[in-house]
N, C-alpha and C. Protein backbone atom coordinates (compact mmCIF):
# COMPACT_ATOMS: atom_id res chain seq x y z
N UNK A 1 46.99 97.06 -109.69
CA UNK A 1 46.25 97.03 -110.94
C UNK A 1 44.98 97.85 -110.78
N UNK A 2 44.70 98.68 -111.78
CA UNK A 2 43.44 99.41 -111.78
C UNK A 2 42.58 98.88 -112.92
N UNK A 3 41.37 99.39 -113.01
CA UNK A 3 40.44 98.86 -114.01
C UNK A 3 40.95 99.13 -115.43
N UNK A 4 41.63 100.25 -115.64
CA UNK A 4 42.17 100.56 -116.96
C UNK A 4 43.24 99.57 -117.40
N UNK A 5 44.14 99.23 -116.51
CA UNK A 5 45.19 98.27 -116.87
C UNK A 5 44.60 96.87 -117.09
N UNK A 6 43.53 96.54 -116.35
CA UNK A 6 42.87 95.25 -116.56
C UNK A 6 42.17 95.22 -117.91
N UNK A 7 41.53 96.33 -118.30
CA UNK A 7 40.89 96.41 -119.62
C UNK A 7 41.93 96.25 -120.73
N UNK A 8 43.09 96.87 -120.52
CA UNK A 8 44.16 96.77 -121.51
C UNK A 8 44.65 95.33 -121.61
N UNK A 9 44.80 94.65 -120.48
CA UNK A 9 45.28 93.26 -120.52
C UNK A 9 44.25 92.35 -121.21
N UNK A 10 42.96 92.60 -121.00
CA UNK A 10 41.93 91.82 -121.68
C UNK A 10 42.01 92.06 -123.18
N UNK A 11 42.13 93.32 -123.57
CA UNK A 11 42.24 93.65 -124.99
C UNK A 11 43.44 92.97 -125.62
N UNK A 12 44.58 92.99 -124.94
CA UNK A 12 45.79 92.35 -125.47
C UNK A 12 45.65 90.83 -125.53
N UNK A 13 45.02 90.23 -124.50
CA UNK A 13 44.81 88.77 -124.51
C UNK A 13 43.98 88.33 -125.70
N UNK A 14 43.03 89.17 -126.10
CA UNK A 14 42.13 88.83 -127.20
C UNK A 14 42.64 89.34 -128.55
N UNK A 15 43.83 89.93 -128.55
CA UNK A 15 44.43 90.48 -129.78
C UNK A 15 43.51 91.47 -130.48
N UNK A 16 42.94 92.38 -129.71
CA UNK A 16 42.07 93.41 -130.26
C UNK A 16 42.78 94.75 -130.21
N UNK A 17 42.50 95.60 -131.18
CA UNK A 17 43.08 96.94 -131.16
C UNK A 17 42.13 97.89 -130.46
N UNK A 18 42.67 99.01 -130.05
CA UNK A 18 41.83 100.04 -129.42
C UNK A 18 40.80 100.55 -130.42
N UNK A 19 41.19 100.62 -131.69
CA UNK A 19 40.28 101.07 -132.74
C UNK A 19 39.13 100.08 -132.93
N UNK A 20 39.44 98.78 -132.83
CA UNK A 20 38.39 97.76 -132.98
C UNK A 20 37.36 97.88 -131.87
N UNK A 21 37.81 98.16 -130.67
CA UNK A 21 36.87 98.34 -129.56
C UNK A 21 36.10 99.64 -129.70
N UNK A 22 36.76 100.68 -130.18
CA UNK A 22 36.08 101.95 -130.40
C UNK A 22 35.01 101.85 -131.47
N UNK A 23 35.19 100.97 -132.43
CA UNK A 23 34.22 100.79 -133.51
C UNK A 23 32.97 100.05 -133.06
N UNK A 24 32.99 99.44 -131.89
CA UNK A 24 31.83 98.66 -131.42
C UNK A 24 30.68 99.54 -130.95
N UNK A 25 30.94 100.79 -130.65
CA UNK A 25 29.88 101.73 -130.31
C UNK A 25 29.62 101.94 -128.83
N UNK A 26 30.20 101.13 -127.96
CA UNK A 26 29.96 101.37 -126.54
C UNK A 26 30.89 102.42 -125.97
N UNK A 27 31.96 102.72 -126.68
CA UNK A 27 32.87 103.80 -126.30
C UNK A 27 33.68 104.18 -127.54
N UNK A 28 34.08 105.44 -127.62
CA UNK A 28 34.90 105.87 -128.75
C UNK A 28 36.34 105.39 -128.56
N UNK A 29 37.11 105.41 -129.64
CA UNK A 29 38.51 105.01 -129.54
C UNK A 29 39.28 105.92 -128.56
N UNK A 30 39.13 107.26 -128.66
CA UNK A 30 39.82 108.10 -127.67
C UNK A 30 39.35 107.83 -126.24
N UNK A 31 38.07 107.52 -126.09
CA UNK A 31 37.54 107.18 -124.75
C UNK A 31 38.18 105.92 -124.22
N UNK A 32 38.33 104.91 -125.07
CA UNK A 32 38.96 103.65 -124.66
C UNK A 32 40.40 103.89 -124.25
N UNK A 33 41.10 104.70 -125.01
CA UNK A 33 42.50 105.01 -124.69
C UNK A 33 42.59 105.69 -123.32
N UNK A 34 41.65 106.58 -123.03
CA UNK A 34 41.65 107.25 -121.73
C UNK A 34 41.37 106.27 -120.60
N UNK A 35 40.50 105.28 -120.84
CA UNK A 35 40.26 104.25 -119.82
C UNK A 35 41.55 103.50 -119.52
N UNK A 36 42.23 103.06 -120.59
CA UNK A 36 43.45 102.28 -120.40
C UNK A 36 44.56 103.09 -119.73
N UNK A 37 44.62 104.37 -120.01
CA UNK A 37 45.65 105.22 -119.41
C UNK A 37 45.29 105.72 -118.02
N UNK A 38 44.09 105.42 -117.56
CA UNK A 38 43.66 105.85 -116.24
C UNK A 38 43.20 107.29 -116.17
N UNK A 39 42.99 107.93 -117.32
CA UNK A 39 42.53 109.31 -117.34
C UNK A 39 41.03 109.40 -117.11
N UNK A 40 40.31 108.32 -117.39
CA UNK A 40 38.87 108.24 -117.16
C UNK A 40 38.55 106.92 -116.49
N UNK A 41 37.48 106.91 -115.73
CA UNK A 41 37.02 105.68 -115.10
C UNK A 41 35.75 105.24 -115.83
N UNK A 42 35.72 104.01 -116.31
CA UNK A 42 34.53 103.57 -117.04
C UNK A 42 33.32 103.45 -116.12
N UNK A 43 32.16 103.74 -116.67
CA UNK A 43 30.93 103.60 -115.90
C UNK A 43 30.59 102.11 -115.79
N UNK A 44 29.74 101.80 -114.84
CA UNK A 44 29.28 100.42 -114.69
C UNK A 44 28.57 99.97 -115.96
N UNK A 45 27.78 100.88 -116.54
CA UNK A 45 27.06 100.55 -117.77
C UNK A 45 28.02 100.22 -118.91
N UNK A 46 29.09 101.01 -119.05
CA UNK A 46 30.05 100.75 -120.12
C UNK A 46 30.72 99.40 -119.92
N UNK A 47 31.07 99.08 -118.69
CA UNK A 47 31.70 97.78 -118.42
C UNK A 47 30.73 96.64 -118.75
N UNK A 48 29.48 96.84 -118.42
CA UNK A 48 28.46 95.82 -118.71
C UNK A 48 28.31 95.65 -120.23
N UNK A 49 28.27 96.75 -120.94
CA UNK A 49 28.15 96.67 -122.41
C UNK A 49 29.38 96.02 -123.03
N UNK A 50 30.55 96.32 -122.51
CA UNK A 50 31.79 95.71 -123.01
C UNK A 50 31.77 94.20 -122.81
N UNK A 51 31.43 93.76 -121.61
CA UNK A 51 31.39 92.33 -121.32
C UNK A 51 30.29 91.64 -122.12
N UNK A 52 29.15 92.31 -122.29
CA UNK A 52 28.07 91.74 -123.11
C UNK A 52 28.53 91.56 -124.55
N UNK A 53 29.28 92.52 -125.05
CA UNK A 53 29.81 92.41 -126.41
C UNK A 53 30.79 91.23 -126.51
N UNK A 54 31.65 91.07 -125.51
CA UNK A 54 32.60 89.94 -125.52
C UNK A 54 31.86 88.61 -125.55
N UNK A 55 30.75 88.54 -124.81
CA UNK A 55 29.97 87.31 -124.78
C UNK A 55 29.23 87.12 -126.11
N UNK A 56 28.64 88.18 -126.62
CA UNK A 56 27.88 88.10 -127.87
C UNK A 56 28.77 87.69 -129.05
N UNK A 57 30.01 88.17 -129.06
CA UNK A 57 30.94 87.82 -130.14
C UNK A 57 31.78 86.58 -129.84
N UNK A 58 31.34 85.81 -128.85
CA UNK A 58 31.94 84.51 -128.50
C UNK A 58 33.40 84.56 -128.05
N UNK A 59 33.79 85.65 -127.42
CA UNK A 59 35.10 85.70 -126.78
C UNK A 59 35.04 85.01 -125.42
N UNK A 60 33.88 85.12 -124.76
CA UNK A 60 33.67 84.51 -123.45
C UNK A 60 32.31 83.82 -123.44
N UNK A 61 32.19 82.74 -122.67
CA UNK A 61 30.87 82.16 -122.46
C UNK A 61 30.18 82.94 -121.35
N UNK A 62 28.92 82.63 -121.09
CA UNK A 62 28.16 83.44 -120.13
C UNK A 62 28.73 83.37 -118.72
N UNK A 63 29.22 82.23 -118.31
CA UNK A 63 29.79 82.09 -116.96
C UNK A 63 31.07 82.91 -116.83
N UNK A 64 31.94 82.81 -117.82
CA UNK A 64 33.19 83.56 -117.80
C UNK A 64 32.92 85.06 -117.90
N UNK A 65 31.92 85.44 -118.68
CA UNK A 65 31.58 86.86 -118.84
C UNK A 65 31.06 87.43 -117.52
N UNK A 66 30.23 86.67 -116.82
CA UNK A 66 29.71 87.13 -115.53
C UNK A 66 30.85 87.30 -114.53
N UNK A 67 31.78 86.36 -114.54
CA UNK A 67 32.93 86.44 -113.64
C UNK A 67 33.81 87.65 -113.99
N UNK A 68 33.99 87.89 -115.29
CA UNK A 68 34.79 89.03 -115.73
C UNK A 68 34.15 90.34 -115.31
N UNK A 69 32.84 90.46 -115.48
CA UNK A 69 32.15 91.69 -115.08
C UNK A 69 32.30 91.91 -113.58
N UNK A 70 32.14 90.87 -112.81
CA UNK A 70 32.30 90.97 -111.36
C UNK A 70 33.71 91.43 -111.00
N UNK A 71 34.69 90.88 -111.69
CA UNK A 71 36.09 91.26 -111.44
C UNK A 71 36.33 92.73 -111.78
N UNK A 72 35.85 93.16 -112.96
CA UNK A 72 36.07 94.54 -113.38
C UNK A 72 35.40 95.54 -112.43
N UNK A 73 34.18 95.24 -112.02
CA UNK A 73 33.48 96.14 -111.11
C UNK A 73 34.17 96.19 -109.75
N UNK A 74 34.63 95.06 -109.28
CA UNK A 74 35.32 95.02 -107.99
C UNK A 74 36.62 95.82 -108.05
N UNK A 75 37.40 95.62 -109.10
CA UNK A 75 38.65 96.38 -109.25
C UNK A 75 38.34 97.88 -109.34
N UNK A 76 37.29 98.22 -110.09
CA UNK A 76 36.91 99.63 -110.21
C UNK A 76 36.63 100.23 -108.83
N UNK A 77 35.85 99.54 -108.03
CA UNK A 77 35.47 100.10 -106.73
C UNK A 77 36.57 100.00 -105.68
N UNK A 78 37.56 99.15 -105.90
CA UNK A 78 38.72 99.14 -105.01
C UNK A 78 39.51 100.43 -105.13
N UNK A 79 39.38 101.10 -106.26
CA UNK A 79 40.08 102.37 -106.47
C UNK A 79 39.23 103.60 -106.22
N UNK A 80 38.06 103.44 -105.63
CA UNK A 80 37.15 104.55 -105.40
C UNK A 80 37.73 105.54 -104.38
N UNK A 81 37.33 106.78 -104.47
CA UNK A 81 37.80 107.81 -103.54
C UNK A 81 37.22 107.63 -102.14
N UNK A 82 36.04 107.05 -102.06
CA UNK A 82 35.39 106.88 -100.77
C UNK A 82 35.99 105.70 -100.02
N UNK A 83 36.45 105.94 -98.81
CA UNK A 83 37.03 104.88 -98.00
C UNK A 83 36.00 103.79 -97.71
N UNK A 84 34.76 104.19 -97.53
CA UNK A 84 33.69 103.22 -97.27
C UNK A 84 33.50 102.28 -98.46
N UNK A 85 33.44 102.83 -99.67
CA UNK A 85 33.26 102.02 -100.88
C UNK A 85 34.46 101.11 -101.08
N UNK A 86 35.67 101.64 -100.87
CA UNK A 86 36.88 100.81 -101.01
C UNK A 86 36.84 99.65 -100.03
N UNK A 87 36.42 99.90 -98.81
CA UNK A 87 36.37 98.85 -97.79
C UNK A 87 35.35 97.78 -98.16
N UNK A 88 34.17 98.20 -98.64
CA UNK A 88 33.17 97.24 -99.10
C UNK A 88 33.72 96.38 -100.24
N UNK A 89 34.37 97.02 -101.21
CA UNK A 89 34.94 96.30 -102.34
C UNK A 89 36.04 95.35 -101.88
N UNK A 90 36.82 95.78 -100.90
CA UNK A 90 37.90 94.93 -100.38
C UNK A 90 37.34 93.66 -99.76
N UNK A 91 36.33 93.80 -98.90
CA UNK A 91 35.75 92.62 -98.27
C UNK A 91 35.00 91.75 -99.27
N UNK A 92 34.39 92.37 -100.26
CA UNK A 92 33.73 91.60 -101.30
C UNK A 92 34.76 90.81 -102.10
N UNK A 93 35.87 91.46 -102.43
CA UNK A 93 36.92 90.78 -103.21
C UNK A 93 37.47 89.59 -102.45
N UNK A 94 37.58 89.68 -101.15
CA UNK A 94 38.08 88.56 -100.35
C UNK A 94 37.09 87.40 -100.35
N UNK A 95 35.79 87.69 -100.58
CA UNK A 95 34.78 86.64 -100.52
C UNK A 95 34.59 85.91 -101.86
N UNK A 96 35.11 86.46 -102.95
CA UNK A 96 34.92 85.80 -104.25
C UNK A 96 36.13 84.96 -104.60
N UNK A 97 35.98 84.17 -105.62
CA UNK A 97 37.02 83.21 -105.98
C UNK A 97 38.01 83.72 -107.02
N UNK A 98 37.75 84.87 -107.65
CA UNK A 98 38.65 85.38 -108.69
C UNK A 98 39.99 85.74 -108.07
N UNK A 99 40.99 84.96 -108.32
CA UNK A 99 42.31 85.12 -107.70
C UNK A 99 42.92 86.48 -107.99
N UNK A 100 42.76 86.98 -109.23
CA UNK A 100 43.37 88.26 -109.57
C UNK A 100 42.75 89.39 -108.76
N UNK A 101 41.46 89.32 -108.48
CA UNK A 101 40.81 90.36 -107.69
C UNK A 101 41.27 90.29 -106.25
N UNK A 102 41.45 89.10 -105.73
CA UNK A 102 41.91 88.94 -104.35
C UNK A 102 43.31 89.53 -104.21
N UNK A 103 44.18 89.29 -105.19
CA UNK A 103 45.52 89.86 -105.14
C UNK A 103 45.48 91.38 -105.18
N UNK A 104 44.62 91.93 -106.03
CA UNK A 104 44.49 93.38 -106.12
C UNK A 104 43.95 93.93 -104.81
N UNK A 105 42.97 93.24 -104.22
CA UNK A 105 42.38 93.74 -102.98
C UNK A 105 43.41 93.76 -101.85
N UNK A 106 44.32 92.82 -101.84
CA UNK A 106 45.37 92.83 -100.81
C UNK A 106 46.30 94.01 -101.01
N UNK A 107 46.58 94.37 -102.26
CA UNK A 107 47.39 95.55 -102.53
C UNK A 107 46.65 96.82 -102.14
N UNK A 108 45.34 96.82 -102.29
CA UNK A 108 44.54 98.01 -102.04
C UNK A 108 44.30 98.25 -100.55
N UNK A 109 44.64 97.29 -99.72
CA UNK A 109 44.43 97.43 -98.28
C UNK A 109 45.14 98.66 -97.75
N UNK A 110 46.26 99.01 -98.34
CA UNK A 110 47.03 100.17 -97.90
C UNK A 110 46.88 101.34 -98.86
N UNK A 111 45.92 101.26 -99.80
CA UNK A 111 45.73 102.29 -100.81
C UNK A 111 45.30 103.61 -100.18
N UNK A 112 45.93 104.68 -100.60
CA UNK A 112 45.55 106.03 -100.19
C UNK A 112 45.22 106.81 -101.46
N UNK A 113 43.98 107.30 -101.60
CA UNK A 113 43.63 108.03 -102.82
C UNK A 113 44.35 109.38 -102.88
N UNK A 114 44.43 109.90 -104.08
CA UNK A 114 45.03 111.23 -104.26
C UNK A 114 44.14 112.25 -103.57
N UNK A 115 44.73 113.27 -102.97
CA UNK A 115 43.90 114.28 -102.29
C UNK A 115 43.03 115.01 -103.30
N UNK A 116 41.85 115.36 -102.86
CA UNK A 116 40.94 116.11 -103.73
C UNK A 116 41.43 117.53 -103.87
N UNK A 117 41.17 118.09 -105.03
CA UNK A 117 41.55 119.48 -105.25
C UNK A 117 40.56 120.38 -104.52
N UNK A 118 41.08 121.37 -103.85
CA UNK A 118 40.22 122.33 -103.17
C UNK A 118 39.64 123.29 -104.19
N UNK A 119 38.37 123.56 -104.04
CA UNK A 119 37.74 124.54 -104.92
C UNK A 119 38.11 125.93 -104.40
N UNK A 120 38.24 126.84 -105.31
CA UNK A 120 38.57 128.21 -104.89
C UNK A 120 37.38 128.82 -104.17
N UNK A 121 37.65 129.74 -103.30
CA UNK A 121 36.57 130.38 -102.54
C UNK A 121 35.63 131.08 -103.50
N UNK A 122 34.37 130.94 -103.22
CA UNK A 122 33.37 131.63 -104.04
C UNK A 122 32.88 130.78 -105.20
N UNK A 123 33.48 129.63 -105.44
CA UNK A 123 33.00 128.81 -106.54
C UNK A 123 31.75 128.09 -106.12
N UNK A 124 30.87 127.88 -107.05
CA UNK A 124 29.60 127.21 -106.76
C UNK A 124 29.61 125.84 -107.36
N UNK A 125 28.89 124.96 -106.73
CA UNK A 125 28.83 123.58 -107.20
C UNK A 125 27.84 123.46 -108.32
């Protein structure tokens, strides 16, 4: 499971459309679709705004919202390109009580990121 598929499952659990989330202003509808499809990775700020909106509109109480944010951020960093960040997220996931994150972290133990594309010679950063 990646953060996009988890966002999609949350949206489906709450019976919300992608357009309804896009209308909230923290992300556009096409942006939300890209998150769910794994074409974009949501920023920490966007995830925080999303969870804050869920709490503000009474989909989650403050305790559940905090747990959800922790879960989303952990899943996001379990898929990071940096082996160091993935390892930190893995050990953090093992220390928390969110069962879904622990299951994902066990799957990520053998995760190998896609190779980075080589820049052509002469290209500047």
